[in-house]
């Protein structure tokens, strides 16, 4: 299980995206978001990019333990159902 313990923010987007892509390449499909330290609108884009990358490899990601702020952003952008937030 991949447990990002870093910000999912614009300032950290490249590193966060790369860490998740590395996890996907190594076969991780369960992402526990409970240790994420901060989010902004970039978090939604990062999660969607991770989902897309997994789908390209024939895998489906499952996300769990969304922090309330991340859940709110997913709802705001209309993608909570897609992310199962």
Protein backbone atom coordinates (compact mmCIF):
# COMPACT_ATOMS: atom_id res chain seq x y z
CA UNK A 1 0.00 0.00 0.00
CA UNK A 2 1.25 3.45 -0.94
CA UNK A 3 0.87 5.99 1.87
CA UNK A 4 1.91 9.46 0.75
CA UNK A 5 3.00 11.49 3.76
CA UNK A 6 3.70 14.74 1.98
CA UNK A 7 1.76 17.72 0.62
CA UNK A 8 -0.37 17.34 -2.50
CA UNK A 9 -0.02 20.98 -3.45
CA UNK A 10 1.08 22.98 -6.46
CA UNK A 11 4.52 23.57 -4.93
CA UNK A 12 5.03 19.82 -4.46
CA UNK A 13 3.07 18.52 -7.46
CA UNK A 14 5.99 17.20 -9.50
CA UNK A 15 7.52 15.25 -6.62
CA UNK A 16 4.12 13.95 -5.48
CA UNK A 17 3.18 12.88 -8.99
CA UNK A 18 6.52 11.11 -9.45
CA UNK A 19 6.24 9.27 -6.12
CA UNK A 20 2.78 7.96 -7.00
CA UNK A 21 3.84 6.96 -10.51
CA UNK A 22 6.78 5.04 -9.04
CA UNK A 23 4.39 3.24 -6.69
CA UNK A 24 2.08 2.37 -9.59
CA UNK A 25 4.99 1.06 -11.67
CA UNK A 26 5.97 -1.16 -8.75
CA UNK A 27 2.48 -2.65 -8.65
CA UNK A 28 0.79 -0.64 -5.90
CA UNK A 29 -2.95 -0.24 -6.42
CA UNK A 30 -4.07 0.80 -2.93
CA UNK A 31 -3.36 4.39 -1.94
CA UNK A 32 -4.02 5.38 1.68
CA UNK A 33 -4.34 9.15 1.75
CA UNK A 34 -4.57 9.46 5.53
CA UNK A 35 -1.04 10.81 6.00
CA UNK A 36 -1.24 13.58 3.37
CA UNK A 37 -0.06 16.74 5.09
CA UNK A 38 -1.67 19.47 2.93
CA UNK A 39 -3.80 19.78 -0.19
CA UNK A 40 -4.84 22.36 -2.72
CA UNK A 41 -6.48 22.11 -6.13
CA UNK A 42 -3.37 20.40 -7.51
CA UNK A 43 -4.22 17.36 -5.35
CA UNK A 44 -7.21 16.55 -7.53
CA UNK A 45 -5.10 16.72 -10.69
CA UNK A 46 -2.45 14.50 -9.10
CA UNK A 47 -5.01 11.86 -8.10
CA UNK A 48 -6.55 11.86 -11.56
CA UNK A 49 -3.10 11.52 -13.15
CA UNK A 50 -2.33 8.56 -10.87
CA UNK A 51 -5.65 6.94 -11.84
CA UNK A 52 -4.96 7.50 -15.52
CA UNK A 53 -1.45 6.02 -15.25
CA UNK A 54 -2.76 2.94 -13.46
CA UNK A 55 -5.50 2.48 -16.06
CA UNK A 56 -2.89 2.63 -18.82
CA UNK A 57 -1.20 -0.32 -17.11
CA UNK A 58 -4.50 -2.19 -16.83
CA UNK A 59 -4.85 -1.60 -13.10
CA UNK A 60 -7.45 0.20 -11.01
CA UNK A 61 -6.43 2.32 -8.05
CA UNK A 62 -8.36 2.39 -4.83
CA UNK A 63 -8.03 5.40 -2.57
CA UNK A 64 -8.86 5.39 1.14
CA UNK A 65 -8.76 7.73 4.15
CA UNK A 66 -9.21 11.01 2.30
CA UNK A 67 -8.57 13.99 4.58
CA UNK A 68 -11.73 16.16 4.80
CA UNK A 69 -10.13 18.95 2.76
CA UNK A 70 -9.25 16.55 -0.05
CA UNK A 71 -12.75 15.10 0.00
CA UNK A 72 -14.19 18.63 -0.20
CA UNK A 73 -12.00 19.49 -3.19
CA UNK A 74 -13.01 16.28 -4.98
CA UNK A 75 -16.67 17.14 -4.36
CA UNK A 76 -16.15 20.73 -5.51
CA UNK A 77 -14.62 19.58 -8.81
CA UNK A 78 -17.26 16.88 -9.31
CA UNK A 79 -14.83 13.95 -9.25
CA UNK A 80 -15.49 12.47 -5.80
CA UNK A 81 -17.40 9.56 -7.31
CA UNK A 82 -14.58 8.88 -9.75
CA UNK A 83 -12.10 8.87 -6.88
CA UNK A 84 -14.53 7.17 -4.47
CA UNK A 85 -13.90 10.00 -2.04
